[in-house]
Amino acid sequence: MQREQALQVVYDAIDILNRQLPQSRRLTKSPDTIIVGPSGTLDSLGIVNFVLAVEERAGEVAGAPVRLLDEGAMLDANGPFRNVQTLAAFLESVERSPNPQ
C-alpha cells in the first residue's frame, strides 16, 4: 500500500467514525489530527471503533486481513496511533510485512 492509499484508508475510517460521534468530538481529516494522546478527542471506545474501521478498510484495499494492534502500540506516546500521518506510515509497513501479528 502506498502512502496516498494508506492516508485515504485512514480518512475513510475517520468518515465512518465521525458518523457515530457528536460534532464536538469528530476527527478532522488532516495528517496532523491527533488520534491517541492528551490532545485527542476519542475515548477508549472511540479508539477501538476507529482501529476496527481502519483494519477493515485496510483489509479491503490490501485484499487480505490487516491487524494493527500489538503489545504497547496504543501506549507508546511516539507510536503509530499518535496522529493520522504516523498511522498512514504504519499502514504502509504493516501491509508490506508478511503475516502481521
N, C-alpha and C. Protein backbone atom coordinates (compact mmCIF):
# COMPACT_ATOMS: atom_id res chain seq x y z
N MET A 1 0.86 -1.17 0.00
CA MET A 1 0.00 0.00 0.00
C MET A 1 0.91 1.24 0.00
N GLN A 2 0.62 2.14 -0.88
CA GLN A 2 1.42 3.35 -0.96
C GLN A 2 0.85 4.40 -0.01
N ARG A 3 1.64 5.46 0.24
CA ARG A 3 1.29 6.48 1.22
C ARG A 3 -0.09 7.09 0.96
N GLU A 4 -0.40 7.45 -0.28
CA GLU A 4 -1.70 8.07 -0.57
C GLU A 4 -2.85 7.11 -0.30
N GLN A 5 -2.65 5.83 -0.64
CA GLN A 5 -3.68 4.82 -0.33
C GLN A 5 -3.86 4.69 1.17
N ALA A 6 -2.76 4.62 1.90
CA ALA A 6 -2.82 4.47 3.35
C ALA A 6 -3.51 5.67 3.98
N LEU A 7 -3.19 6.85 3.51
CA LEU A 7 -3.83 8.06 4.03
C LEU A 7 -5.33 8.04 3.74
N GLN A 8 -5.70 7.59 2.55
CA GLN A 8 -7.12 7.51 2.20
C GLN A 8 -7.84 6.48 3.07
N VAL A 9 -7.19 5.38 3.39
CA VAL A 9 -7.77 4.38 4.29
C VAL A 9 -8.09 5.01 5.64
N VAL A 10 -7.14 5.78 6.17
CA VAL A 10 -7.35 6.45 7.47
C VAL A 10 -8.48 7.47 7.35
N TYR A 11 -8.50 8.23 6.27
CA TYR A 11 -9.58 9.21 6.08
C TYR A 11 -10.94 8.52 5.95
N ASP A 12 -10.99 7.39 5.26
CA ASP A 12 -12.25 6.64 5.16
C ASP A 12 -12.73 6.19 6.54
N ALA A 13 -11.79 5.73 7.37
CA ALA A 13 -12.14 5.31 8.73
C ALA A 13 -12.62 6.50 9.55
N ILE A 14 -12.02 7.66 9.34
CA ILE A 14 -12.48 8.88 10.04
C ILE A 14 -13.92 9.19 9.63
N ASP A 15 -14.23 9.07 8.35
CA ASP A 15 -15.60 9.31 7.89
C ASP A 15 -16.58 8.37 8.57
N ILE A 16 -16.22 7.10 8.66
CA ILE A 16 -17.08 6.09 9.31
C ILE A 16 -17.27 6.44 10.78
N LEU A 17 -16.19 6.74 11.45
CA LEU A 17 -16.26 7.05 12.88
C LEU A 17 -17.02 8.34 13.15
N ASN A 18 -16.79 9.35 12.34
CA ASN A 18 -17.44 10.65 12.57
C ASN A 18 -18.96 10.56 12.50
N ARG A 19 -19.49 9.60 11.75
CA ARG A 19 -20.94 9.43 11.70
C ARG A 19 -21.51 8.99 13.04
N GLN A 20 -20.66 8.43 13.89
CA GLN A 20 -21.09 7.93 15.19
C GLN A 20 -20.84 8.92 16.32
N LEU A 21 -20.13 10.00 16.04
CA LEU A 21 -19.69 10.93 17.08
C LEU A 21 -20.47 12.24 17.05
N PRO A 22 -20.64 12.87 18.22
CA PRO A 22 -21.21 14.21 18.23
C PRO A 22 -20.24 15.19 17.55
N GLN A 23 -20.75 16.26 17.04
CA GLN A 23 -19.96 17.26 16.31
C GLN A 23 -18.69 17.67 17.06
N SER A 24 -18.79 17.83 18.37
CA SER A 24 -17.66 18.32 19.17
C SER A 24 -16.51 17.33 19.28
N ARG A 25 -16.75 16.06 18.99
CA ARG A 25 -15.70 15.04 19.14
C ARG A 25 -15.24 14.46 17.81
N ARG A 26 -15.73 14.99 16.70
CA ARG A 26 -15.36 14.46 15.39
C ARG A 26 -13.91 14.77 15.05
N LEU A 27 -13.31 13.84 14.32
CA LEU A 27 -11.92 14.00 13.88
C LEU A 27 -11.86 14.76 12.57
N THR A 28 -10.85 15.58 12.42
CA THR A 28 -10.60 16.31 11.19
C THR A 28 -9.74 15.44 10.28
N LYS A 29 -10.03 15.46 9.00
CA LYS A 29 -9.21 14.70 8.05
C LYS A 29 -7.99 15.53 7.68
N SER A 30 -6.95 15.38 8.48
CA SER A 30 -5.70 16.09 8.30
C SER A 30 -4.56 15.20 8.82
N PRO A 31 -3.40 15.24 8.18
CA PRO A 31 -2.27 14.42 8.65
C PRO A 31 -1.88 14.70 10.10
N ASP A 32 -2.14 15.90 10.59
CA ASP A 32 -1.74 16.26 11.95
C ASP A 32 -2.80 15.97 13.01
N THR A 33 -3.94 15.43 12.62
CA THR A 33 -5.00 15.15 13.59
C THR A 33 -4.53 14.13 14.61
N ILE A 34 -4.64 14.47 15.87
CA ILE A 34 -4.25 13.59 16.97
C ILE A 34 -5.29 12.48 17.11
N ILE A 35 -4.83 11.24 17.19
CA ILE A 35 -5.73 10.11 17.38
C ILE A 35 -5.71 9.66 18.84
N VAL A 36 -4.51 9.39 19.34
CA VAL A 36 -4.35 8.94 20.72
C VAL A 36 -3.39 9.88 21.43
N GLY A 37 -3.76 10.28 22.63
CA GLY A 37 -2.89 11.15 23.42
C GLY A 37 -3.70 12.21 24.13
N PRO A 38 -3.03 13.02 24.91
CA PRO A 38 -3.71 14.03 25.73
C PRO A 38 -4.56 15.01 24.92
N SER A 39 -4.18 15.30 23.69
CA SER A 39 -4.93 16.25 22.87
C SER A 39 -6.01 15.59 22.02
N GLY A 40 -6.11 14.26 22.10
CA GLY A 40 -7.10 13.54 21.30
C GLY A 40 -8.50 13.71 21.85
N THR A 41 -9.49 13.55 20.97
CA THR A 41 -10.89 13.71 21.39
C THR A 41 -11.60 12.38 21.58
N LEU A 42 -10.96 11.28 21.22
CA LEU A 42 -11.62 9.98 21.31
C LEU A 42 -11.49 9.37 22.70
N ASP A 43 -12.57 8.77 23.17
CA ASP A 43 -12.49 7.98 24.39
C ASP A 43 -12.05 6.57 24.00
N SER A 44 -11.96 5.67 24.96
CA SER A 44 -11.43 4.33 24.67
C SER A 44 -12.31 3.58 23.67
N LEU A 45 -13.62 3.71 23.77
CA LEU A 45 -14.50 3.04 22.81
C LEU A 45 -14.33 3.65 21.42
N GLY A 46 -14.17 4.95 21.35
CA GLY A 46 -13.94 5.61 20.07
C GLY A 46 -12.65 5.14 19.42
N ILE A 47 -11.62 4.96 20.21
CA ILE A 47 -10.33 4.48 19.69
C ILE A 47 -10.48 3.07 19.14
N VAL A 48 -11.15 2.22 19.90
CA VAL A 48 -11.36 0.83 19.44
C VAL A 48 -12.16 0.82 18.13
N ASN A 49 -13.23 1.59 18.07
CA ASN A 49 -14.04 1.65 16.86
C ASN A 49 -13.23 2.18 15.68
N PHE A 50 -12.39 3.16 15.93
CA PHE A 50 -11.55 3.72 14.88
C PHE A 50 -10.56 2.68 14.37
N VAL A 51 -9.89 1.98 15.26
CA VAL A 51 -8.91 0.96 14.86
C VAL A 51 -9.60 -0.14 14.05
N LEU A 52 -10.78 -0.56 14.48
CA LEU A 52 -11.52 -1.59 13.74
C LEU A 52 -11.89 -1.09 12.34
N ALA A 53 -12.30 0.16 12.24
CA ALA A 53 -12.65 0.73 10.93
C ALA A 53 -11.42 0.79 10.02
N VAL A 54 -10.28 1.17 10.58
CA VAL A 54 -9.04 1.22 9.79
C VAL A 54 -8.66 -0.19 9.33
N GLU A 55 -8.70 -1.16 10.24
CA GLU A 55 -8.34 -2.53 9.88
C GLU A 55 -9.26 -3.07 8.78
N GLU A 56 -10.54 -2.80 8.90
CA GLU A 56 -11.50 -3.30 7.90
C GLU A 56 -11.23 -2.66 6.54
N ARG A 57 -11.08 -1.36 6.52
CA ARG A 57 -10.85 -0.65 5.25
C ARG A 57 -9.49 -1.03 4.65
N ALA A 58 -8.46 -1.16 5.49
CA ALA A 58 -7.13 -1.55 5.00
C ALA A 58 -7.17 -2.96 4.44
N GLY A 59 -7.92 -3.84 5.07
CA GLY A 59 -8.07 -5.21 4.57
C GLY A 59 -8.73 -5.24 3.20
N GLU A 60 -9.72 -4.38 3.00
CA GLU A 60 -10.38 -4.29 1.69
C GLU A 60 -9.39 -3.83 0.62
N VAL A 61 -8.59 -2.84 0.94
CA VAL A 61 -7.62 -2.30 -0.02
C VAL A 61 -6.50 -3.31 -0.27
N ALA A 62 -6.02 -3.95 0.78
CA ALA A 62 -4.89 -4.89 0.66
C ALA A 62 -5.31 -6.24 0.11
N GLY A 63 -6.59 -6.57 0.22
CA GLY A 63 -7.05 -7.87 -0.25
C GLY A 63 -6.75 -8.99 0.71
N ALA A 64 -6.40 -8.64 1.95
CA ALA A 64 -6.09 -9.63 2.99
C ALA A 64 -6.29 -8.94 4.33
N PRO A 65 -6.55 -9.73 5.38
CA PRO A 65 -6.74 -9.12 6.69
C PRO A 65 -5.51 -8.32 7.13
N VAL A 66 -5.76 -7.20 7.78
CA VAL A 66 -4.70 -6.35 8.30
C VAL A 66 -4.93 -6.17 9.80
N ARG A 67 -3.93 -6.51 10.60
CA ARG A 67 -4.00 -6.32 12.05
C ARG A 67 -3.04 -5.21 12.44
N LEU A 68 -3.57 -4.25 13.17
CA LEU A 68 -2.75 -3.10 13.52
C LEU A 68 -2.21 -3.13 14.94
N LEU A 69 -2.90 -3.79 15.81
CA LEU A 69 -2.53 -3.73 17.22
C LEU A 69 -1.48 -4.76 17.58
N ASP A 70 -0.53 -4.33 18.37
CA ASP A 70 0.41 -5.23 19.00
C ASP A 70 0.61 -4.71 20.41
N GLU A 71 1.30 -5.46 21.21
CA GLU A 71 1.51 -5.04 22.59
C GLU A 71 2.23 -3.70 22.63
N GLY A 72 1.65 -2.76 23.32
CA GLY A 72 2.28 -1.47 23.51
C GLY A 72 2.03 -0.44 22.43
N ALA A 73 1.45 -0.82 21.30
CA ALA A 73 1.26 0.14 20.20
C ALA A 73 0.40 1.31 20.63
N MET A 74 -0.63 1.06 21.42
CA MET A 74 -1.53 2.13 21.84
C MET A 74 -0.93 2.95 22.98
N LEU A 75 -0.02 2.37 23.72
CA LEU A 75 0.53 3.05 24.89
C LEU A 75 1.73 3.92 24.57
N ASP A 76 2.39 3.65 23.47
CA ASP A 76 3.60 4.37 23.10
C ASP A 76 3.26 5.79 22.65
N ALA A 77 3.73 6.79 23.37
CA ALA A 77 3.43 8.19 23.03
C ALA A 77 3.97 8.57 21.66
N ASN A 78 4.98 7.87 21.19
CA ASN A 78 5.53 8.12 19.86
C ASN A 78 5.16 7.01 18.88
N GLY A 79 4.13 6.25 19.23
CA GLY A 79 3.71 5.11 18.43
C GLY A 79 2.90 5.48 17.20
N PRO A 80 2.46 4.46 16.48
CA PRO A 80 1.78 4.67 15.21
C PRO A 80 0.41 5.34 15.33
N PHE A 81 -0.21 5.30 16.49
CA PHE A 81 -1.54 5.87 16.65
C PHE A 81 -1.52 7.32 17.14
N ARG A 82 -0.35 7.92 17.13
CA ARG A 82 -0.21 9.30 17.60
C ARG A 82 -1.07 10.25 16.77
N ASN A 83 -0.96 10.17 15.43
CA ASN A 83 -1.77 11.03 14.57
C ASN A 83 -2.02 10.34 13.24
N VAL A 84 -2.77 11.00 12.38
CA VAL A 84 -3.14 10.42 11.09
C VAL A 84 -1.90 10.09 10.26
N GLN A 85 -0.94 10.97 10.23
CA GLN A 85 0.26 10.76 9.43
C GLN A 85 1.07 9.55 9.90
N THR A 86 1.26 9.40 11.20
CA THR A 86 2.03 8.26 11.70
C THR A 86 1.27 6.95 11.47
N LEU A 87 -0.06 7.00 11.53
CA LEU A 87 -0.85 5.80 11.28
C LEU A 87 -0.77 5.40 9.81
N ALA A 88 -0.82 6.37 8.90
CA ALA A 88 -0.69 6.06 7.47
C ALA A 88 0.68 5.44 7.18
N ALA A 89 1.73 5.97 7.78
CA ALA A 89 3.08 5.40 7.59
C ALA A 89 3.14 3.98 8.14
N PHE A 90 2.49 3.75 9.28
CA PHE A 90 2.45 2.42 9.87
C PHE A 90 1.71 1.44 8.97
N LEU A 91 0.61 1.89 8.35
CA LEU A 91 -0.14 1.04 7.43
C LEU A 91 0.72 0.59 6.26
N GLU A 92 1.56 1.48 5.78
CA GLU A 92 2.47 1.12 4.69
C GLU A 92 3.37 -0.04 5.11
N SER A 93 3.93 0.02 6.29
CA SER A 93 4.87 -1.01 6.75
C SER A 93 4.16 -2.29 7.12
N VAL A 94 2.96 -2.21 7.68
CA VAL A 94 2.21 -3.42 8.07
C VAL A 94 1.81 -4.19 6.84
N GLU A 95 1.34 -3.48 5.83
CA GLU A 95 0.87 -4.12 4.61
C GLU A 95 2.01 -4.85 3.90
N ARG A 96 3.22 -4.35 4.04
CA ARG A 96 4.37 -4.98 3.40
C ARG A 96 4.91 -6.14 4.22
N SER A 97 4.56 -6.19 5.48
CA SER A 97 5.09 -7.24 6.36
C SER A 97 4.33 -8.53 6.13
N PRO A 98 5.02 -9.66 6.08
CA PRO A 98 4.31 -10.93 5.96
C PRO A 98 3.62 -11.28 7.28
N ASN A 99 2.38 -11.65 7.23
CA ASN A 99 1.60 -12.07 8.39
C ASN A 99 1.80 -11.18 9.61
N PRO A 100 1.35 -9.93 9.59
CA PRO A 100 1.48 -9.09 10.78
C PRO A 100 0.70 -9.68 11.93
N GLN A 101 1.32 -9.74 13.11
CA GLN A 101 0.65 -10.34 14.26
C GLN A 101 0.70 -9.46 15.43
